[in-house]
Amino acid sequence: MFSATKANSIVYGLIADVSSAVENINSTRIAVEHSLENSSLESSNTNTNEEVQIDVTSSPMMFATIINGANEEVTCTNDGSTLAKFFLCGTGDDRTISVSGSGTITWQKLSSSCVFVGTDTCPVKDNSCYGPAVTSPTYFLDASDPSVAGEYRVRVGSGAFYYFRVSSNPLNPQLSTQNIICGNPGRVEVTNVPAGYEYSLNSAAGPYQDNPYFDIFTPGNYQVYTRLKNASPSACVFPSQTVTISEVDMTVAVSKVDIICSGDKGSISINISGVPDFIAIG
C-alpha cells in the first residue's frame, strides 16, 4: 500500500532535489525539446518537435521550508526561498527544532568569523561560512547560551539546505511579593528589567501598564508578562515565574511576670505571629 508517510517522503525528496539545483539562481528557464508521437487513429505517423519552457521558480512549493515551529517565515526577495525565524524570549525559552522529512539530518551554524552578508529576509548561503555539520534528528537551542543567536541551516540527506535565523533576548524578569496582611493589599512587583518595558498581570494580551508593580486584593496565583514598549506584534513577551499571594492575619500573644518581692522586677512579653517582619517594642 502506498502510505501517506511514503508519499510525504518522496515529495520532500523531490523538493530538496529541485531546490538544490536552483539555489542561488534568481530565475532559470529550461528549454526541452522532445518528440511527441501522435497515436490518434486519425493522425499519421508524424513526429512533432515541441519546445516546452519551465519556470523553475514559479512554484512556491519548491521553496517552502521543511523547518517546523518557527515564530515567523519570510520570503527571500533574491530567489523566493523561505527563511524561518525563531525568537527566544528570555533565558528559559529553550527550543527543540525539528524538520519534516526522513533521512540523515545535518545541522550547521554560521561561523562567527564570517562577515554577515544576508538581509532581513535572505540568509547567508556561502558554504565556506558554515561550521562543522552535526547529525541529529533535532537541534536544541539553549536560550541561556549567550552565543545561541545566529544563522543556521539544515538539510535531509544530500538535498537542499534550508535556512533559519535565531534571535535571543536574555531578559530575565523576577518578581518580589508581599502578602495581603490584616486587610491591607498585597503587591507583586517586577524587578531586574531596564527602562522601556511595560507590564500586564496574568495576561500576555494585556492590558499593559508602565508601572512594574500591581496591588493585589484577592489571594491566588499571579504571573506578570513583560514586553518592550511600542514593539511589533512578533516581538518577545516575557512571562515571569508564577507566585502565590496569601491573605494572613496577625496574632498577638501577651504574657507577664508579676512582681513578687520588694525590689524585684516584673516583665511583659509580646509574641507576634502570622506575619513576617513585625517586632514588638516595649
C-alpha atoms as a PDB file:
ATOM      1  CA  MET A   1       0.000   0.000   0.000  1.00  0.00           C
ATOM      2  CA  PHE A   2       1.294   3.480  -0.874  1.00  0.00           C
ATOM      3  CA  SER A   3       1.122   5.235   2.513  1.00  0.00           C
ATOM      4  CA  ALA A   4       0.896   8.977   3.243  1.00  0.00           C
ATOM      5  CA  THR A   5       4.223   8.802   5.059  1.00  0.00           C
ATOM      6  CA  LYS A   6       5.967   7.381   1.992  1.00  0.00           C
ATOM      7  CA  ALA A   7       4.288   9.971  -0.219  1.00  0.00           C
ATOM      8  CA  ASN A   8       5.471  12.821   2.017  1.00  0.00           C
ATOM      9  CA  SER A   9       8.995  11.434   1.967  1.00  0.00           C
ATOM     10  CA  ILE A  10       9.010  11.325  -1.846  1.00  0.00           C
ATOM     11  CA  VAL A  11       7.583  14.857  -2.093  1.00  0.00           C
ATOM     12  CA  TYR A  12      10.171  16.324   0.272  1.00  0.00           C
ATOM     13  CA  GLY A  13      12.902  14.470  -1.587  1.00  0.00           C
ATOM     14  CA  LEU A  14      11.690  15.950  -4.856  1.00  0.00           C
ATOM     15  CA  ILE A  15      11.523  19.449  -3.334  1.00  0.00           C
ATOM     16  CA  ALA A  16      15.036  19.081  -1.979  1.00  0.00           C
ATOM     17  CA  ASP A  17      16.436  17.907  -5.323  1.00  0.00           C
ATOM     18  CA  VAL A  18      14.797  20.727  -7.277  1.00  0.00           C
ATOM     19  CA  SER A  19      15.705  23.381  -4.705  1.00  0.00           C
ATOM     20  CA  SER A  20      19.313  22.197  -4.662  1.00  0.00           C
ATOM     21  CA  ALA A  21      19.529  22.619  -8.403  1.00  0.00           C
ATOM     22  CA  VAL A  22      18.237  26.170  -8.356  1.00  0.00           C
ATOM     23  CA  GLU A  23      19.776  27.501  -5.165  1.00  0.00           C
ATOM     24  CA  ASN A  24      21.289  30.983  -5.654  1.00  0.00           C
ATOM     25  CA  ILE A  25      19.610  31.343  -9.085  1.00  0.00           C
ATOM     26  CA  ASN A  26      17.058  34.123  -9.463  1.00  0.00           C
ATOM     27  CA  SER A  27      15.146  32.659 -12.406  1.00  0.00           C
ATOM     28  CA  THR A  28      16.140  29.855 -14.742  1.00  0.00           C
ATOM     29  CA  ARG A  29      14.278  28.667 -17.776  1.00  0.00           C
ATOM     30  CA  ILE A  30      14.897  25.283 -19.287  1.00  0.00           C
ATOM     31  CA  ALA A  31      14.037  24.579 -22.885  1.00  0.00           C
ATOM     32  CA  VAL A  32      13.264  20.967 -23.501  1.00  0.00           C
ATOM     33  CA  GLU A  33      12.768  19.595 -26.963  1.00  0.00           C
ATOM     34  CA  HIS A  34      11.172  16.223 -27.302  1.00  0.00           C
ATOM     35  CA  SER A  35       9.287  14.263 -29.902  1.00  0.00           C
ATOM     36  CA  LEU A  36       5.626  13.627 -29.439  1.00  0.00           C
ATOM     37  CA  GLU A  37       4.178  10.680 -31.318  1.00  0.00           C
ATOM     38  CA  ASN A  38       0.591  11.175 -32.330  1.00  0.00           C
ATOM     39  CA  SER A  39      -1.155   7.920 -31.576  1.00  0.00           C
ATOM     40  CA  SER A  40      -4.613   9.066 -32.593  1.00  0.00           C
ATOM     41  CA  LEU A  41      -6.384   6.860 -35.134  1.00  0.00           C
ATOM     42  CA  GLU A  42      -6.947   9.926 -37.329  1.00  0.00           C
ATOM     43  CA  SER A  43      -3.313  11.073 -37.391  1.00  0.00           C
ATOM     44  CA  SER A  44      -0.398   9.901 -39.416  1.00  0.00           C
ATOM     45  CA  ASN A  45       2.952   8.788 -38.062  1.00  0.00           C
ATOM     46  CA  THR A  46       4.233  12.332 -37.782  1.00  0.00           C
ATOM     47  CA  ASN A  47       6.781  13.399 -35.164  1.00  0.00           C
ATOM     48  CA  THR A  48       6.240  16.882 -33.760  1.00  0.00           C
ATOM     49  CA  ASN A  49       9.064  18.825 -32.137  1.00  0.00           C
ATOM     50  CA  GLU A  50       7.642  20.933 -29.324  1.00  0.00           C
ATOM     51  CA  GLU A  51       9.544  23.369 -27.154  1.00  0.00           C
ATOM     52  CA  VAL A  52       8.430  23.442 -23.536  1.00  0.00           C
ATOM     53  CA  GLN A  53       9.556  26.191 -21.190  1.00  0.00           C
ATOM     54  CA  ILE A  54       9.556  25.520 -17.450  1.00  0.00           C
ATOM     55  CA  ASP A  55       9.992  28.342 -14.961  1.00  0.00           C
ATOM     56  CA  VAL A  56      11.602  26.570 -12.036  1.00  0.00           C
ATOM     57  CA  THR A  57      10.922  29.487  -9.717  1.00  0.00           C
ATOM     58  CA  SER A  58       7.194  29.602 -10.425  1.00  0.00           C
ATOM     59  CA  SER A  59       6.090  27.109  -7.802  1.00  0.00           C
ATOM     60  CA  PRO A  60       6.235  28.346  -4.182  1.00  0.00           C
ATOM     61  CA  MET A  61       6.102  24.723  -3.013  1.00  0.00           C
ATOM     62  CA  MET A  62       9.659  24.201  -4.280  1.00  0.00           C
ATOM     63  CA  PHE A  63      10.913  26.794  -1.811  1.00  0.00           C
ATOM     64  CA  ALA A  64       8.717  26.131   1.224  1.00  0.00           C
ATOM     65  CA  THR A  65      10.746  25.416   4.342  1.00  0.00           C
ATOM     66  CA  ILE A  66      10.743  21.989   5.988  1.00  0.00           C
ATOM     67  CA  ILE A  67      11.641  23.543   9.357  1.00  0.00           C
ATOM     68  CA  ASN A  68       8.851  23.219  11.918  1.00  0.00           C
ATOM     69  CA  GLY A  69       7.646  25.600  14.622  1.00  0.00           C
ATOM     70  CA  ALA A  70       9.191  28.915  13.552  1.00  0.00           C
ATOM     71  CA  ASN A  71       7.849  32.139  15.033  1.00  0.00           C
ATOM     72  CA  GLU A  72       7.930  33.742  11.595  1.00  0.00           C
ATOM     73  CA  GLU A  73       8.615  32.750   7.990  1.00  0.00           C
ATOM     74  CA  VAL A  74       9.744  35.318   5.416  1.00  0.00           C
ATOM     75  CA  THR A  75      10.363  35.010   1.686  1.00  0.00           C
ATOM     76  CA  CYS A  76      13.801  35.927   0.345  1.00  0.00           C
ATOM     77  CA  THR A  77      13.446  38.535  -2.382  1.00  0.00           C
ATOM     78  CA  ASN A  78      16.530  37.187  -4.186  1.00  0.00           C
ATOM     79  CA  ASP A  79      15.321  33.683  -5.010  1.00  0.00           C
ATOM     80  CA  GLY A  80      11.888  33.103  -3.446  1.00  0.00           C
ATOM     81  CA  SER A  81      13.194  30.723  -0.768  1.00  0.00           C
ATOM     82  CA  THR A  82      11.831  30.749   2.779  1.00  0.00           C
ATOM     83  CA  LEU A  83      13.816  31.891   5.809  1.00  0.00           C
ATOM     84  CA  ALA A  84      12.448  30.608   9.129  1.00  0.00           C
ATOM     85  CA  LYS A  85      12.914  32.811  12.192  1.00  0.00           C
ATOM     86  CA  PHE A  86      12.949  31.863  15.883  1.00  0.00           C
ATOM     87  CA  PHE A  87      12.702  34.473  18.658  1.00  0.00           C
ATOM     88  CA  LEU A  88      13.959  33.240  22.036  1.00  0.00           C
ATOM     89  CA  CYS A  89      12.277  35.346  24.707  1.00  0.00           C
ATOM     90  CA  GLY A  90      14.266  35.164  27.916  1.00  0.00           C
ATOM     91  CA  THR A  91      16.853  32.738  29.271  1.00  0.00           C
ATOM     92  CA  GLY A  92      14.281  29.980  29.795  1.00  0.00           C
ATOM     93  CA  ASP A  93      12.765  29.936  26.301  1.00  0.00           C
ATOM     94  CA  ASP A  94      14.596  26.821  25.062  1.00  0.00           C
ATOM     95  CA  ARG A  95      13.524  25.276  21.731  1.00  0.00           C
ATOM     96  CA  THR A  96      13.971  21.898  20.071  1.00  0.00           C
ATOM     97  CA  ILE A  97      13.933  22.335  16.279  1.00  0.00           C
ATOM     98  CA  SER A  98      12.667  19.563  14.023  1.00  0.00           C
ATOM     99  CA  VAL A  99      12.074  19.176  10.291  1.00  0.00           C
ATOM    100  CA  SER A 100       9.625  17.379   8.028  1.00  0.00           C
ATOM    101  CA  GLY A 101      11.101  14.542   6.014  1.00  0.00           C
ATOM    102  CA  SER A 102      13.115  11.429   6.776  1.00  0.00           C
ATOM    103  CA  GLY A 103      16.747  10.512   6.303  1.00  0.00           C
ATOM    104  CA  THR A 104      20.064  11.695   7.686  1.00  0.00           C
ATOM    105  CA  ILE A 105      19.573  15.226   9.037  1.00  0.00           C
ATOM    106  CA  THR A 106      22.587  17.521   9.374  1.00  0.00           C
ATOM    107  CA  TRP A 107      22.729  20.945  11.024  1.00  0.00           C
ATOM    108  CA  GLN A 108      25.267  23.760  10.689  1.00  0.00           C
ATOM    109  CA  LYS A 109      25.717  27.193  12.244  1.00  0.00           C
ATOM    110  CA  LEU A 110      27.206  30.263  10.620  1.00  0.00           C
ATOM    111  CA  SER A 111      30.760  30.791  11.840  1.00  0.00           C
ATOM    112  CA  SER A 112      31.316  33.875  13.995  1.00  0.00           C
ATOM    113  CA  SER A 113      34.425  34.642  11.927  1.00  0.00           C
ATOM    114  CA  CYS A 114      32.344  35.057   8.770  1.00  0.00           C
ATOM    115  CA  VAL A 115      31.005  38.522   7.988  1.00  0.00           C
ATOM    116  CA  PHE A 116      27.209  38.569   7.867  1.00  0.00           C
ATOM    117  CA  VAL A 117      26.132  39.472   4.333  1.00  0.00           C
ATOM    118  CA  GLY A 118      22.498  38.415   4.477  1.00  0.00           C
ATOM    119  CA  THR A 119      19.420  40.630   4.754  1.00  0.00           C
ATOM    120  CA  ASP A 120      16.340  40.627   6.954  1.00  0.00           C
ATOM    121  CA  THR A 121      14.669  38.142   4.596  1.00  0.00           C
ATOM    122  CA  CYS A 122      17.634  36.395   2.937  1.00  0.00           C
ATOM    123  CA  PRO A 123      20.173  34.122   4.656  1.00  0.00           C
ATOM    124  CA  VAL A 124      23.911  33.770   4.105  1.00  0.00           C
ATOM    125  CA  LYS A 125      24.472  30.970   1.577  1.00  0.00           C
ATOM    126  CA  ASP A 126      28.268  30.958   1.350  1.00  0.00           C
ATOM    127  CA  ASN A 127      29.255  27.339   2.099  1.00  0.00           C
ATOM    128  CA  SER A 128      32.626  28.386   3.477  1.00  0.00           C
ATOM    129  CA  CYS A 129      30.916  30.397   6.222  1.00  0.00           C
ATOM    130  CA  TYR A 130      29.302  27.448   7.975  1.00  0.00           C
ATOM    131  CA  GLY A 131      30.879  25.377  10.728  1.00  0.00           C
ATOM    132  CA  PRO A 132      31.084  21.587  11.215  1.00  0.00           C
ATOM    133  CA  ALA A 133      27.956  19.564  10.495  1.00  0.00           C
ATOM    134  CA  VAL A 134      26.067  17.999  13.396  1.00  0.00           C
ATOM    135  CA  THR A 135      23.999  14.909  12.617  1.00  0.00           C
ATOM    136  CA  SER A 136      20.838  14.644  14.711  1.00  0.00           C
ATOM    137  CA  PRO A 137      17.061  14.245  14.198  1.00  0.00           C
ATOM    138  CA  THR A 138      16.530  17.524  16.096  1.00  0.00           C
ATOM    139  CA  TYR A 139      18.539  20.584  17.130  1.00  0.00           C
ATOM    140  CA  PHE A 140      18.404  22.086  20.631  1.00  0.00           C
ATOM    141  CA  LEU A 141      18.530  25.850  21.122  1.00  0.00           C
ATOM    142  CA  ASP A 142      19.663  26.716  24.653  1.00  0.00           C
ATOM    143  CA  ALA A 143      18.210  30.156  25.410  1.00  0.00           C
ATOM    144  CA  SER A 144      20.662  30.673  28.293  1.00  0.00           C
ATOM    145  CA  ASP A 145      23.644  30.289  25.925  1.00  0.00           C
ATOM    146  CA  PRO A 146      24.974  33.787  25.079  1.00  0.00           C
ATOM    147  CA  SER A 147      26.046  32.546  21.639  1.00  0.00           C
ATOM    148  CA  VAL A 148      22.752  30.900  20.656  1.00  0.00           C
ATOM    149  CA  ALA A 149      21.693  33.754  18.340  1.00  0.00           C
ATOM    150  CA  GLY A 150      22.810  33.444  14.727  1.00  0.00           C
ATOM    151  CA  GLU A 151      22.233  31.889  11.326  1.00  0.00           C
ATOM    152  CA  TYR A 152      21.731  28.138  10.873  1.00  0.00           C
ATOM    153  CA  ARG A 153      20.990  25.690   8.077  1.00  0.00           C
ATOM    154  CA  VAL A 154      19.762  22.110   7.852  1.00  0.00           C
ATOM    155  CA  ARG A 155      19.288  19.506   5.152  1.00  0.00           C
ATOM    156  CA  VAL A 156      17.986  15.987   4.792  1.00  0.00           C
ATOM    157  CA  GLY A 157      20.407  13.601   3.129  1.00  0.00           C
ATOM    158  CA  SER A 158      22.189  15.289   0.221  1.00  0.00           C
ATOM    159  CA  GLY A 159      19.231  17.563  -0.553  1.00  0.00           C
ATOM    160  CA  ALA A 160      18.952  21.334  -0.473  1.00  0.00           C
ATOM    161  CA  PHE A 161      19.859  23.421   2.547  1.00  0.00           C
ATOM    162  CA  TYR A 162      17.043  25.134   4.452  1.00  0.00           C
ATOM    163  CA  TYR A 163      17.961  28.174   6.495  1.00  0.00           C
ATOM    164  CA  PHE A 164      16.769  29.577   9.808  1.00  0.00           C
ATOM    165  CA  ARG A 165      17.755  32.527  11.958  1.00  0.00           C
ATOM    166  CA  VAL A 166      17.712  32.684  15.760  1.00  0.00           C
ATOM    167  CA  SER A 167      17.351  35.919  17.744  1.00  0.00           C
ATOM    168  CA  SER A 168      17.788  35.956  21.510  1.00  0.00           C
ATOM    169  CA  ASN A 169      16.793  38.413  24.222  1.00  0.00           C
ATOM    170  CA  PRO A 170      18.240  37.301  27.595  1.00  0.00           C
ATOM    171  CA  LEU A 171      15.861  39.447  29.672  1.00  0.00           C
ATOM    172  CA  ASN A 172      15.009  37.579  32.875  1.00  0.00           C
ATOM    173  CA  PRO A 173      12.202  39.330  34.832  1.00  0.00           C
ATOM    174  CA  GLN A 174      11.958  38.461  38.531  1.00  0.00           C
ATOM    175  CA  LEU A 175       9.103  39.070  40.989  1.00  0.00           C
ATOM    176  CA  SER A 176       9.096  40.362  44.541  1.00  0.00           C
ATOM    177  CA  THR A 177       5.892  39.823  46.534  1.00  0.00           C
ATOM    178  CA  GLN A 178       4.009  40.953  49.615  1.00  0.00           C
ATOM    179  CA  ASN A 179       1.031  39.112  51.055  1.00  0.00           C
ATOM    180  CA  ILE A 180      -2.340  40.640  51.982  1.00  0.00           C
ATOM    181  CA  ILE A 181      -1.881  41.464  55.660  1.00  0.00           C
ATOM    182  CA  CYS A 182      -4.713  42.424  58.013  1.00  0.00           C
ATOM    183  CA  GLY A 183      -6.864  43.555  55.100  1.00  0.00           C
ATOM    184  CA  ASN A 184      -4.132  45.692  53.515  1.00  0.00           C
ATOM    185  CA  PRO A 185      -3.500  44.897  49.826  1.00  0.00           C
ATOM    186  CA  GLY A 186      -0.566  42.755  48.820  1.00  0.00           C
ATOM    187  CA  ARG A 187       1.797  43.527  45.966  1.00  0.00           C
ATOM    188  CA  VAL A 188       3.558  41.896  43.018  1.00  0.00           C
ATOM    189  CA  GLU A 189       6.478  43.845  41.586  1.00  0.00           C
ATOM    190  CA  VAL A 190       8.761  43.127  38.615  1.00  0.00           C
ATOM    191  CA  THR A 191      12.494  43.548  39.144  1.00  0.00           C
ATOM    192  CA  ASN A 192      15.595  43.005  37.012  1.00  0.00           C
ATOM    193  CA  VAL A 193      14.137  44.822  33.992  1.00  0.00           C
ATOM    194  CA  PRO A 194      15.580  48.041  32.480  1.00  0.00           C
ATOM    195  CA  ALA A 195      13.547  51.073  31.418  1.00  0.00           C
ATOM    196  CA  GLY A 196      11.458  50.943  28.259  1.00  0.00           C
ATOM    197  CA  TYR A 197       9.249  47.941  29.093  1.00  0.00           C
ATOM    198  CA  GLU A 198       5.594  47.571  30.063  1.00  0.00           C
ATOM    199  CA  TYR A 199       3.718  45.016  32.153  1.00  0.00           C
ATOM    200  CA  SER A 200       0.493  43.010  32.251  1.00  0.00           C
ATOM    201  CA  LEU A 201      -0.905  40.916  35.095  1.00  0.00           C
ATOM    202  CA  ASN A 202      -1.965  37.342  34.259  1.00  0.00           C
ATOM    203  CA  SER A 203      -2.467  38.000  30.527  1.00  0.00           C
ATOM    204  CA  ALA A 204       0.015  38.118  27.655  1.00  0.00           C
ATOM    205  CA  ALA A 205      -2.601  40.013  25.639  1.00  0.00           C
ATOM    206  CA  GLY A 206      -2.812  42.866  28.149  1.00  0.00           C
ATOM    207  CA  PRO A 207      -3.838  45.433  29.131  1.00  0.00           C
ATOM    208  CA  TYR A 208      -0.271  46.672  29.738  1.00  0.00           C
ATOM    209  CA  GLN A 209       0.875  49.435  32.064  1.00  0.00           C
ATOM    210  CA  ASP A 210       4.090  51.367  32.621  1.00  0.00           C
ATOM    211  CA  ASN A 211       4.348  50.697  36.367  1.00  0.00           C
ATOM    212  CA  PRO A 212       6.183  47.452  37.213  1.00  0.00           C
ATOM    213  CA  TYR A 213       4.001  46.718  40.274  1.00  0.00           C
ATOM    214  CA  PHE A 214       0.423  45.609  40.918  1.00  0.00           C
ATOM    215  CA  ASP A 215      -1.631  45.911  44.128  1.00  0.00           C
ATOM    216  CA  ILE A 216      -3.278  42.578  44.943  1.00  0.00           C
ATOM    217  CA  PHE A 217      -6.618  42.402  46.769  1.00  0.00           C
ATOM    218  CA  THR A 218      -7.505  38.738  46.229  1.00  0.00           C
ATOM    219  CA  PRO A 219      -5.391  35.731  47.318  1.00  0.00           C
ATOM    220  CA  GLY A 220      -4.250  33.500  44.460  1.00  0.00           C
ATOM    221  CA  ASN A 221      -1.561  32.735  41.894  1.00  0.00           C
ATOM    222  CA  TYR A 222      -0.151  35.568  39.810  1.00  0.00           C
ATOM    223  CA  GLN A 223       2.152  35.956  36.829  1.00  0.00           C
ATOM    224  CA  VAL A 224       3.398  39.117  35.134  1.00  0.00           C
ATOM    225  CA  TYR A 225       4.104  39.460  31.392  1.00  0.00           C
ATOM    226  CA  THR A 226       6.741  41.937  30.253  1.00  0.00           C
ATOM    227  CA  ARG A 227       7.230  43.355  26.772  1.00  0.00           C
ATOM    228  CA  LEU A 228       9.094  46.198  25.089  1.00  0.00           C
ATOM    229  CA  LYS A 229       7.054  49.356  24.591  1.00  0.00           C
ATOM    230  CA  ASN A 230       5.895  50.100  21.029  1.00  0.00           C
ATOM    231  CA  ALA A 231       7.203  46.727  19.826  1.00  0.00           C
ATOM    232  CA  SER A 232       5.963  44.844  16.758  1.00  0.00           C
ATOM    233  CA  PRO A 233       3.319  42.111  17.214  1.00  0.00           C
ATOM    234  CA  SER A 234       6.003  39.426  16.749  1.00  0.00           C
ATOM    235  CA  ALA A 235       8.265  40.865  19.465  1.00  0.00           C
ATOM    236  CA  CYS A 236       9.051  38.903  22.615  1.00  0.00           C
ATOM    237  CA  VAL A 237       6.681  38.717  25.560  1.00  0.00           C
ATOM    238  CA  PHE A 238       8.450  37.563  28.731  1.00  0.00           C
ATOM    239  CA  PRO A 239       6.410  35.588  31.280  1.00  0.00           C
ATOM    240  CA  SER A 240       7.606  35.666  34.881  1.00  0.00           C
ATOM    241  CA  GLN A 241       7.536  32.774  37.295  1.00  0.00           C
ATOM    242  CA  THR A 242       4.166  32.165  38.970  1.00  0.00           C
ATOM    243  CA  VAL A 243       3.895  33.382  42.565  1.00  0.00           C
ATOM    244  CA  THR A 244       1.259  32.875  45.249  1.00  0.00           C
ATOM    245  CA  ILE A 245      -0.212  35.754  47.258  1.00  0.00           C
ATOM    246  CA  SER A 246      -1.835  34.700  50.542  1.00  0.00           C
ATOM    247  CA  GLU A 247      -4.105  36.518  52.978  1.00  0.00           C
ATOM    248  CA  VAL A 248      -2.698  36.448  56.506  1.00  0.00           C
ATOM    249  CA  ASP A 249      -3.708  37.911  59.879  1.00  0.00           C
ATOM    250  CA  MET A 250      -1.576  38.991  62.783  1.00  0.00           C
ATOM    251  CA  THR A 251      -1.782  37.023  66.032  1.00  0.00           C
ATOM    252  CA  VAL A 252      -0.614  38.707  69.227  1.00  0.00           C
ATOM    253  CA  ALA A 253       0.033  36.816  72.472  1.00  0.00           C
ATOM    254  CA  VAL A 254       0.863  38.717  75.680  1.00  0.00           C
ATOM    255  CA  SER A 255       2.381  37.155  78.798  1.00  0.00           C
ATOM    256  CA  LYS A 256       3.517  38.716  82.098  1.00  0.00           C
ATOM    257  CA  VAL A 257       5.614  38.045  85.138  1.00  0.00           C
ATOM    258  CA  ASP A 258       4.329  39.704  88.347  1.00  0.00           C
ATOM    259  CA  ILE A 259       6.448  41.451  90.955  1.00  0.00           C
ATOM    260  CA  ILE A 260       6.586  39.110  93.954  1.00  0.00           C
ATOM    261  CA  CYS A 261       9.010  40.736  96.328  1.00  0.00           C
ATOM    262  CA  SER A 262      10.048  44.304  97.007  1.00  0.00           C
ATOM    263  CA  GLY A 263      12.876  45.234  94.670  1.00  0.00           C
ATOM    264  CA  ASP A 264      12.017  42.594  92.099  1.00  0.00           C
ATOM    265  CA  LYS A 265      11.043  43.490  88.582  1.00  0.00           C
ATOM    266  CA  GLY A 266       8.159  42.142  86.624  1.00  0.00           C
ATOM    267  CA  SER A 267       8.017  41.729  82.849  1.00  0.00           C
ATOM    268  CA  ILE A 268       5.622  41.758  79.943  1.00  0.00           C
ATOM    269  CA  SER A 269       6.322  39.713  76.784  1.00  0.00           C
ATOM    270  CA  ILE A 270       4.535  40.175  73.474  1.00  0.00           C
ATOM    271  CA  ASN A 271       4.717  37.473  70.811  1.00  0.00           C
ATOM    272  CA  ILE A 272       3.585  38.362  67.277  1.00  0.00           C
ATOM    273  CA  SER A 273       2.986  35.562  64.754  1.00  0.00           C
ATOM    274  CA  GLY A 274       1.352  35.064  61.396  1.00  0.00           C
ATOM    275  CA  VAL A 275       3.161  37.877  59.591  1.00  0.00           C
ATOM    276  CA  PRO A 276       6.839  38.471  58.934  1.00  0.00           C
ATOM    277  CA  ASP A 277       8.959  41.466  59.855  1.00  0.00           C
ATOM    278  CA  PHE A 278       6.885  42.638  62.819  1.00  0.00           C
ATOM    279  CA  ILE A 279       8.769  43.374  66.057  1.00  0.00           C
ATOM    280  CA  ALA A 280       7.224  44.217  69.402  1.00  0.00           C
ATOM    281  CA  ILE A 281       8.934  47.115  71.185  1.00  0.00           C
ATOM    282  CA  GLY A 282       8.279  47.611  74.842  1.00  0.00           C
END
